[in-house]
PDB file of N, CA and C in Angstrom:
ATOM      1  N   THR A   1       0.856  -1.164   0.000  1.00  0.00           N
ATOM      2  CA  THR A   1       0.000   0.000   0.000  1.00  0.00           C
ATOM      3  C   THR A   1       0.906   1.231   0.000  1.00  0.00           C
ATOM      4  N   PRO A   2       0.900   2.023  -1.071  1.00  0.00           N
ATOM      5  CA  PRO A   2       1.845   3.128  -1.160  1.00  0.00           C
ATOM      6  C   PRO A   2       1.545   4.297  -0.225  1.00  0.00           C
ATOM      7  N   GLY A   3       0.320   4.406   0.268  1.00  0.00           N
ATOM      8  CA  GLY A   3       0.004   5.456   1.220  1.00  0.00           C
ATOM      9  C   GLY A   3      -0.404   6.776   0.589  1.00  0.00           C
ATOM     10  N   ASP A   4      -0.479   6.815  -0.740  1.00  0.00           N
ATOM     11  CA  ASP A   4      -0.860   8.052  -1.417  1.00  0.00           C
ATOM     12  C   ASP A   4      -2.300   8.031  -1.922  1.00  0.00           C
ATOM     13  N   GLY A   5      -3.078   7.050  -1.475  1.00  0.00           N
ATOM     14  CA  GLY A   5      -4.479   6.956  -1.859  1.00  0.00           C
ATOM     15  C   GLY A   5      -4.736   6.138  -3.109  1.00  0.00           C
ATOM     16  N   ARG A   6      -3.696   5.699  -3.774  1.00  0.00           N
ATOM     17  CA  ARG A   6      -3.863   4.878  -4.975  1.00  0.00           C
ATOM     18  C   ARG A   6      -3.957   3.407  -4.601  1.00  0.00           C
ATOM     19  N   THR A   7      -4.347   2.606  -5.562  1.00  0.00           N
ATOM     20  CA  THR A   7      -4.560   1.177  -5.361  1.00  0.00           C
ATOM     21  C   THR A   7      -3.272   0.473  -4.947  1.00  0.00           C
ATOM     22  N   PRO A   8      -3.342  -0.418  -3.962  1.00  0.00           N
ATOM     23  CA  PRO A   8      -2.152  -1.181  -3.573  1.00  0.00           C
ATOM     24  C   PRO A   8      -1.639  -2.052  -4.723  1.00  0.00           C
ATOM     25  N   VAL A   9      -0.356  -2.331  -4.718  1.00  0.00           N
ATOM     26  CA  VAL A   9       0.278  -3.197  -5.705  1.00  0.00           C
ATOM     27  C   VAL A   9       0.311  -4.604  -5.130  1.00  0.00           C
ATOM     28  N   THR A  10      -0.128  -5.578  -5.915  1.00  0.00           N
ATOM     29  CA  THR A  10      -0.091  -6.975  -5.496  1.00  0.00           C
ATOM     30  C   THR A  10       0.642  -7.769  -6.566  1.00  0.00           C
ATOM     31  N   CYS A  11       1.549  -8.627  -6.153  1.00  0.00           N
ATOM     32  CA  CYS A  11       2.288  -9.424  -7.120  1.00  0.00           C
ATOM     33  C   CYS A  11       2.618 -10.783  -6.523  1.00  0.00           C
ATOM     34  N   LYS A  12       2.825 -11.760  -7.407  1.00  0.00           N
ATOM     35  CA  LYS A  12       3.281 -13.081  -6.986  1.00  0.00           C
ATOM     36  C   LYS A  12       4.781 -13.140  -7.188  1.00  0.00           C
ATOM     37  N   GLY A  13       5.488 -13.550  -6.173  1.00  0.00           N
ATOM     38  CA  GLY A  13       6.933 -13.641  -6.287  1.00  0.00           C
ATOM     39  C   GLY A  13       7.606 -12.319  -5.996  1.00  0.00           C
ATOM     40  N   PRO A  14       8.924 -12.294  -6.070  1.00  0.00           N
ATOM     41  CA  PRO A  14       9.675 -11.110  -5.667  1.00  0.00           C
ATOM     42  C   PRO A  14       9.773 -10.018  -6.725  1.00  0.00           C
ATOM     43  N   GLY A  15       9.359 -10.268  -7.958  1.00  0.00           N
ATOM     44  CA  GLY A  15       9.527  -9.267  -9.004  1.00  0.00           C
ATOM     45  C   GLY A  15      10.949  -9.300  -9.540  1.00  0.00           C
ATOM     46  N   THR A  16      11.298  -8.313 -10.326  1.00  0.00           N
ATOM     47  CA  THR A  16      12.628  -8.221 -10.915  1.00  0.00           C
ATOM     48  C   THR A  16      13.559  -7.482  -9.963  1.00  0.00           C
ATOM     49  N   PRO A  17      14.676  -8.082  -9.590  1.00  0.00           N
ATOM     50  CA  PRO A  17      15.603  -7.396  -8.684  1.00  0.00           C
ATOM     51  C   PRO A  17      16.230  -6.171  -9.339  1.00  0.00           C
ATOM     52  N   TRP A  18      16.448  -5.128  -8.555  1.00  0.00           N
ATOM     53  CA  TRP A  18      17.106  -3.926  -9.051  1.00  0.00           C
ATOM     54  C   TRP A  18      18.593  -4.196  -9.169  1.00  0.00           C
ATOM     55  N   THR A  19      19.195  -3.761 -10.272  1.00  0.00           N
ATOM     56  CA  THR A  19      20.643  -3.848 -10.440  1.00  0.00           C
ATOM     57  C   THR A  19      21.142  -2.506 -10.969  1.00  0.00           C
ATOM     58  N   ALA A  20      22.388  -2.191 -10.705  1.00  0.00           N
ATOM     59  CA  ALA A  20      22.963  -0.931 -11.167  1.00  0.00           C
ATOM     60  C   ALA A  20      23.001  -0.885 -12.695  1.00  0.00           C
ATOM     61  N   ARG A  21      23.215  -2.024 -13.341  1.00  0.00           N
ATOM     62  CA  ARG A  21      23.302  -2.077 -14.801  1.00  0.00           C
ATOM     63  C   ARG A  21      21.980  -1.678 -15.455  1.00  0.00           C
ATOM     64  N   ILE A  22      20.874  -2.161 -14.915  1.00  0.00           N
ATOM     65  CA  ILE A  22      19.554  -1.833 -15.462  1.00  0.00           C
ATOM     66  C   ILE A  22      19.045  -0.519 -14.878  1.00  0.00           C
ATOM     67  N   GLY A  23      19.350  -0.267 -13.619  1.00  0.00           N
ATOM     68  CA  GLY A  23      18.941   0.980 -12.972  1.00  0.00           C
ATOM     69  C   GLY A  23      17.429   1.101 -12.862  1.00  0.00           C
ATOM     70  N   ASP A  24      16.921   2.298 -13.018  1.00  0.00           N
ATOM     71  CA  ASP A  24      15.488   2.546 -12.851  1.00  0.00           C
ATOM     72  C   ASP A  24      14.683   2.250 -14.107  1.00  0.00           C
ATOM     73  N   ARG A  25      15.306   1.723 -15.143  1.00  0.00           N
ATOM     74  CA  ARG A  25      14.585   1.361 -16.369  1.00  0.00           C
ATOM     75  C   ARG A  25      13.943  -0.012 -16.274  1.00  0.00           C
ATOM     76  N   ALA A  26      14.271  -0.785 -15.246  1.00  0.00           N
ATOM     77  CA  ALA A  26      13.730  -2.137 -15.098  1.00  0.00           C
ATOM     78  C   ALA A  26      12.219  -2.070 -14.915  1.00  0.00           C
ATOM     79  N   LYS A  27      11.519  -3.041 -15.451  1.00  0.00           N
ATOM     80  CA  LYS A  27      10.072  -3.146 -15.284  1.00  0.00           C
ATOM     81  C   LYS A  27       9.778  -4.402 -14.478  1.00  0.00           C
ATOM     82  N   SER A  28       8.855  -4.282 -13.536  1.00  0.00           N
ATOM     83  CA  SER A  28       8.506  -5.404 -12.676  1.00  0.00           C
ATOM     84  C   SER A  28       7.050  -5.270 -12.264  1.00  0.00           C
ATOM     85  N   SER A  29       6.373  -6.401 -12.082  1.00  0.00           N
ATOM     86  CA  SER A  29       4.989  -6.378 -11.616  1.00  0.00           C
ATOM     87  C   SER A  29       4.907  -5.896 -10.170  1.00  0.00           C
ATOM     88  N   CYS A  30       6.019  -5.887  -9.461  1.00  0.00           N
ATOM     89  CA  CYS A  30       6.046  -5.436  -8.066  1.00  0.00           C
ATOM     90  C   CYS A  30       6.508  -3.984  -7.942  1.00  0.00           C
ATOM     91  N   MET A  31       6.563  -3.267  -9.048  1.00  0.00           N
ATOM     92  CA  MET A  31       7.067  -1.899  -9.057  1.00  0.00           C
ATOM     93  C   MET A  31       5.937  -0.900  -8.819  1.00  0.00           C
ATOM     94  N   TYR A  32       6.276   0.195  -8.161  1.00  0.00           N
ATOM     95  CA  TYR A  32       5.314   1.279  -7.972  1.00  0.00           C
ATOM     96  C   TYR A  32       6.050   2.602  -8.152  1.00  0.00           C
ATOM     97  N   THR A  33       5.434   3.522  -8.893  1.00  0.00           N
ATOM     98  CA  THR A  33       6.018   4.840  -9.104  1.00  0.00           C
ATOM     99  C   THR A  33       5.077   5.890  -8.544  1.00  0.00           C
ATOM    100  N   TYR A  34       5.562   6.689  -7.626  1.00  0.00           N
ATOM    101  CA  TYR A  34       4.763   7.792  -7.095  1.00  0.00           C
ATOM    102  C   TYR A  34       4.630   8.850  -8.180  1.00  0.00           C
ATOM    103  N   THR A  35       3.431   9.425  -8.306  1.00  0.00           N
ATOM    104  CA  THR A  35       3.191  10.427  -9.350  1.00  0.00           C
ATOM    105  C   THR A  35       3.147  11.845  -8.809  1.00  0.00           C
ATOM    106  N   ARG A  36       3.328  12.010  -7.515  1.00  0.00           N
ATOM    107  CA  ARG A  36       3.375  13.345  -6.933  1.00  0.00           C
ATOM    108  C   ARG A  36       4.251  13.321  -5.690  1.00  0.00           C
ATOM    109  N   ALA A  37       4.739  14.489  -5.347  1.00  0.00           N
ATOM    110  CA  ALA A  37       5.604  14.626  -4.174  1.00  0.00           C
ATOM    111  C   ALA A  37       4.775  14.565  -2.894  1.00  0.00           C
ATOM    112  N   SER A  38       5.434  14.276  -1.799  1.00  0.00           N
ATOM    113  CA  SER A  38       4.746  14.126  -0.512  1.00  0.00           C
ATOM    114  C   SER A  38       4.773  15.396   0.338  1.00  0.00           C
ATOM    115  N   HIS A  39       5.307  16.489  -0.177  1.00  0.00           N
ATOM    116  CA  HIS A  39       5.477  17.697   0.646  1.00  0.00           C
ATOM    117  C   HIS A  39       4.155  18.284   1.151  1.00  0.00           C
ATOM    118  N   SER A  40       3.033  18.019   0.478  1.00  0.00           N
ATOM    119  CA  SER A  40       1.747  18.564   0.920  1.00  0.00           C
ATOM    120  C   SER A  40       1.030  17.652   1.918  1.00  0.00           C
ATOM    121  N   GLN A  41       1.609  16.508   2.229  1.00  0.00           N
ATOM    122  CA  GLN A  41       1.001  15.559   3.161  1.00  0.00           C
ATOM    123  C   GLN A  41       1.353  15.909   4.596  1.00  0.00           C
ATOM    124  N   ARG A  42       0.529  15.456   5.503  1.00  0.00           N
ATOM    125  CA  ARG A  42       0.840  15.627   6.928  1.00  0.00           C
ATOM    126  C   ARG A  42       2.160  14.912   7.240  1.00  0.00           C
ATOM    127  N   GLY A  43       3.061  15.592   7.850  1.00  0.00           N
ATOM    128  CA  GLY A  43       4.376  15.024   8.140  1.00  0.00           C
ATOM    129  C   GLY A  43       5.302  15.016   6.936  1.00  0.00           C
ATOM    130  N   ARG A  44       4.836  15.506   5.808  1.00  0.00           N
ATOM    131  CA  ARG A  44       5.609  15.595   4.570  1.00  0.00           C
ATOM    132  C   ARG A  44       6.061  14.244   4.035  1.00  0.00           C
ATOM    133  N   HIS A  45       5.252  13.205   4.282  1.00  0.00           N
ATOM    134  CA  HIS A  45       5.565  11.866   3.782  1.00  0.00           C
ATOM    135  C   HIS A  45       4.268  11.083   3.566  1.00  0.00           C
ATOM    136  N   PHE A  46       4.358  10.013   2.793  1.00  0.00           N
ATOM    137  CA  PHE A  46       3.278   9.049   2.647  1.00  0.00           C
ATOM    138  C   PHE A  46       3.547   7.919   3.630  1.00  0.00           C
ATOM    139  N   ARG A  47       2.514   7.394   4.237  1.00  0.00           N
ATOM    140  CA  ARG A  47       2.661   6.261   5.164  1.00  0.00           C
ATOM    141  C   ARG A  47       2.440   4.977   4.360  1.00  0.00           C
ATOM    142  N   ALA A  48       3.514   4.366   3.930  1.00  0.00           N
ATOM    143  CA  ALA A  48       3.453   3.171   3.087  1.00  0.00           C
ATOM    144  C   ALA A  48       3.501   1.906   3.945  1.00  0.00           C
ATOM    145  N   ALA A  49       2.894   0.847   3.452  1.00  0.00           N
ATOM    146  CA  ALA A  49       2.903  -0.442   4.153  1.00  0.00           C
ATOM    147  C   ALA A  49       3.269  -1.545   3.161  1.00  0.00           C
ATOM    148  N   MET A  50       4.132  -2.449   3.586  1.00  0.00           N
ATOM    149  CA  MET A  50       4.534  -3.589   2.780  1.00  0.00           C
ATOM    150  C   MET A  50       4.209  -4.858   3.557  1.00  0.00           C
ATOM    151  N   HIS A  51       3.673  -5.830   2.845  1.00  0.00           N
ATOM    152  CA  HIS A  51       3.337  -7.112   3.471  1.00  0.00           C
ATOM    153  C   HIS A  51       3.749  -8.244   2.543  1.00  0.00           C
ATOM    154  N   VAL A  52       4.197  -9.322   3.134  1.00  0.00           N
ATOM    155  CA  VAL A  52       4.538 -10.539   2.404  1.00  0.00           C
ATOM    156  C   VAL A  52       3.727 -11.672   3.012  1.00  0.00           C
ATOM    157  N   THR A  53       3.052 -12.428   2.159  1.00  0.00           N
ATOM    158  CA  THR A  53       2.324 -13.609   2.617  1.00  0.00           C
ATOM    159  C   THR A  53       3.131 -14.836   2.201  1.00  0.00           C
ATOM    160  N   TRP A  54       3.554 -15.619   3.172  1.00  0.00           N
ATOM    161  CA  TRP A  54       4.329 -16.826   2.926  1.00  0.00           C
ATOM    162  C   TRP A  54       3.360 -18.005   2.836  1.00  0.00           C
ATOM    163  N   ILE A  55       3.412 -18.726   1.721  1.00  0.00           N
ATOM    164  CA  ILE A  55       2.610 -19.932   1.535  1.00  0.00           C
ATOM    165  C   ILE A  55       3.588 -21.100   1.617  1.00  0.00           C
ATOM    166  N   VAL A  56       3.450 -21.923   2.651  1.00  0.00           N
ATOM    167  CA  VAL A  56       4.437 -22.964   2.937  1.00  0.00           C
ATOM    168  C   VAL A  56       3.833 -24.348   2.720  1.00  0.00           C
ATOM    169  N   THR A  57       4.484 -25.122   1.861  1.00  0.00           N
ATOM    170  CA  THR A  57       4.130 -26.528   1.686  1.00  0.00           C
ATOM    171  C   THR A  57       5.347 -27.370   2.035  1.00  0.00           C
ATOM    172  N   TRP A  58       5.113 -28.624   2.369  1.00  0.00           N
ATOM    173  CA  TRP A  58       6.215 -29.494   2.735  1.00  0.00           C
ATOM    174  C   TRP A  58       5.997 -30.891   2.166  1.00  0.00           C
ATOM    175  N   ARG A  59       7.091 -31.636   2.019  1.00  0.00           N
ATOM    176  CA  ARG A  59       7.032 -33.011   1.539  1.00  0.00           C
ATOM    177  C   ARG A  59       8.171 -33.781   2.198  1.00  0.00           C
ATOM    178  N   SER A  60       7.862 -34.957   2.710  1.00  0.00           N
ATOM    179  CA  SER A  60       8.881 -35.761   3.382  1.00  0.00           C
ATOM    180  C   SER A  60       9.433 -36.824   2.435  1.00  0.00           C
ATOM    181  N   SER A  61      10.527 -37.442   2.856  1.00  0.00           N
ATOM    182  CA  SER A  61      11.113 -38.524   2.057  1.00  0.00           C
ATOM    183  C   SER A  61      10.248 -39.784   2.102  1.00  0.00           C
ATOM    184  N   LEU A  62       9.248 -39.812   2.984  1.00  0.00           N
ATOM    185  CA  LEU A  62       8.328 -40.950   3.078  1.00  0.00           C
ATOM    186  C   LEU A  62       7.104 -40.774   2.175  1.00  0.00           C
ATOM    187  N   GLY A  63       7.040 -39.657   1.450  1.00  0.00           N
ATOM    188  CA  GLY A  63       5.914 -39.415   0.554  1.00  0.00           C
ATOM    189  C   GLY A  63       4.776 -38.626   1.189  1.00  0.00           C
ATOM    190  N   LEU A  64       4.925 -38.277   2.455  1.00  0.00           N
ATOM    191  CA  LEU A  64       3.911 -37.461   3.109  1.00  0.00           C
ATOM    192  C   LEU A  64       4.093 -36.008   2.683  1.00  0.00           C
ATOM    193  N   ALA A  65       2.999 -35.278   2.630  1.00  0.00           N
ATOM    194  CA  ALA A  65       3.071 -33.872   2.232  1.00  0.00           C
ATOM    195  C   ALA A  65       1.939 -33.113   2.897  1.00  0.00           C
ATOM    196  N   GLY A  66       2.060 -31.823   2.915  1.00  0.00           N
ATOM    197  CA  GLY A  66       1.013 -31.011   3.508  1.00  0.00           C
ATOM    198  C   GLY A  66       1.278 -29.537   3.298  1.00  0.00           C
ATOM    199  N   ARG A  67       0.409 -28.773   3.876  1.00  0.00           N
ATOM    200  CA  ARG A  67       0.531 -27.310   3.789  1.00  0.00           C
ATOM    201  C   ARG A  67       0.333 -26.736   5.180  1.00  0.00           C
ATOM    202  N   LEU A  68       1.179 -25.769   5.518  1.00  0.00           N
ATOM    203  CA  LEU A  68       1.061 -25.074   6.793  1.00  0.00           C
ATOM    204  C   LEU A  68       0.174 -23.847   6.608  1.00  0.00           C
ATOM    205  N   PRO A  69      -0.378 -23.301   7.678  1.00  0.00           N
ATOM    206  CA  PRO A  69      -1.163 -22.073   7.542  1.00  0.00           C
ATOM    207  C   PRO A  69      -0.300 -20.943   6.985  1.00  0.00           C
ATOM    208  N   ASN A  70      -0.908 -20.083   6.180  1.00  0.00           N
ATOM    209  CA  ASN A  70      -0.181 -18.939   5.618  1.00  0.00           C
ATOM    210  C   ASN A  70       0.352 -18.064   6.747  1.00  0.00           C
ATOM    211  N   ILE A  71       1.502 -17.464   6.502  1.00  0.00           N
ATOM    212  CA  ILE A  71       2.117 -16.542   7.454  1.00  0.00           C
ATOM    213  C   ILE A  71       2.223 -15.188   6.762  1.00  0.00           C
ATOM    214  N   ARG A  72       1.730 -14.149   7.410  1.00  0.00           N
ATOM    215  CA  ARG A  72       1.803 -12.803   6.836  1.00  0.00           C
ATOM    216  C   ARG A  72       2.706 -11.943   7.707  1.00  0.00           C
ATOM    217  N   THR A  73       3.738 -11.398   7.091  1.00  0.00           N
ATOM    218  CA  THR A  73       4.639 -10.490   7.787  1.00  0.00           C
ATOM    219  C   THR A  73       4.574  -9.139   7.086  1.00  0.00           C
ATOM    220  N   GLY A  74       4.938  -8.087   7.773  1.00  0.00           N
ATOM    221  CA  GLY A  74       4.886  -6.789   7.131  1.00  0.00           C
ATOM    222  C   GLY A  74       5.479  -5.691   7.975  1.00  0.00           C
ATOM    223  N   SER A  75       5.510  -4.522   7.380  1.00  0.00           N
ATOM    224  CA  SER A  75       6.067  -3.364   8.041  1.00  0.00           C
ATOM    225  C   SER A  75       5.495  -2.108   7.403  1.00  0.00           C
ATOM    226  N   THR A  76       5.572  -1.002   8.127  1.00  0.00           N
ATOM    227  CA  THR A  76       5.183   0.289   7.574  1.00  0.00           C
ATOM    228  C   THR A  76       6.398   1.201   7.563  1.00  0.00           C
ATOM    229  N   MET A  77       6.343   2.210   6.731  1.00  0.00           N
ATOM    230  CA  MET A  77       7.449   3.159   6.663  1.00  0.00           C
ATOM    231  C   MET A  77       6.937   4.508   6.178  1.00  0.00           C
ATOM    232  N   ASN A  78       7.672   5.546   6.498  1.00  0.00           N
ATOM    233  CA  ASN A  78       7.378   6.865   5.985  1.00  0.00           C
ATOM    234  C   ASN A  78       8.126   7.029   4.662  1.00  0.00           C
ATOM    235  N   ALA A  79       7.371   7.217   3.572  1.00  0.00           N
ATOM    236  CA  ALA A  79       7.981   7.375   2.253  1.00  0.00           C
ATOM    237  C   ALA A  79       7.987   8.850   1.889  1.00  0.00           C
ATOM    238  N   ARG A  80       9.150   9.441   1.920  1.00  0.00           N
ATOM    239  CA  ARG A  80       9.295  10.852   1.547  1.00  0.00           C
ATOM    240  C   ARG A  80       9.596  10.902   0.051  1.00  0.00           C
ATOM    241  N   VAL A  81       8.697  11.523  -0.702  1.00  0.00           N
ATOM    242  CA  VAL A  81       8.830  11.581  -2.153  1.00  0.00           C
ATOM    243  C   VAL A  81       9.116  13.032  -2.536  1.00  0.00           C
ATOM    244  N   LEU A  82      10.278  13.256  -3.115  1.00  0.00           N
ATOM    245  CA  LEU A  82      10.698  14.601  -3.487  1.00  0.00           C
ATOM    246  C   LEU A  82      10.375  14.888  -4.944  1.00  0.00           C
ATOM    247  N   GLU A  83      10.407  16.162  -5.274  1.00  0.00           N
ATOM    248  CA  GLU A  83      10.131  16.601  -6.640  1.00  0.00           C
ATOM    249  C   GLU A  83      11.216  17.605  -7.030  1.00  0.00           C
ATOM    250  N   LEU A  84      11.687  17.492  -8.248  1.00  0.00           N
ATOM    251  CA  LEU A  84      12.700  18.405  -8.749  1.00  0.00           C
ATOM    252  C   LEU A  84      12.202  18.992 -10.061  1.00  0.00           C
ATOM    253  N   GLN A  85      12.186  20.289 -10.146  1.00  0.00           N
ATOM    254  CA  GLN A  85      11.770  20.965 -11.368  1.00  0.00           C
ATOM    255  C   GLN A  85      12.960  21.728 -11.918  1.00  0.00           C
ATOM    256  N   ALA A  86      13.059  21.743 -13.224  1.00  0.00           N
ATOM    257  CA  ALA A  86      14.176  22.440 -13.866  1.00  0.00           C
ATOM    258  C   ALA A  86      13.664  23.180 -15.099  1.00  0.00           C
ATOM    259  N   LEU A  87      14.269  24.306 -15.371  1.00  0.00           N
ATOM    260  CA  LEU A  87      13.971  25.080 -16.573  1.00  0.00           C
ATOM    261  C   LEU A  87      15.198  25.070 -17.454  1.00  0.00           C
ATOM    262  N   SER A  88      14.967  25.025 -18.745  1.00  0.00           N
ATOM    263  CA  SER A  88      16.086  25.009 -19.683  1.00  0.00           C
ATOM    264  C   SER A  88      15.833  26.042 -20.766  1.00  0.00           C
ATOM    265  N   ARG A  89      16.881  26.691 -21.205  1.00  0.00           N
ATOM    266  CA  ARG A  89      16.763  27.658 -22.303  1.00  0.00           C
ATOM    267  C   ARG A  89      17.226  27.058 -23.576  1.00  0.00           C
TER     268      ARG A  89
END
């Protein structure tokens, strides 16, 4: 949940890892781009939340298998989004 009032991003798996070679041009289903700065928000930041749902299955060498209850972990953070404007002649 990005905290800016837009729809949360949901994806399966970790998405595409960021690398210096690809930089910010990488595309991933787990990517989110803020479209406005946070300076007008209370505290000058967006209150973002990230959650991961772990789906755990198991299988033994005896052929037994099963699934454990899902585990959801998460955290919140203050996302400060800056804006830079430039004029060129």
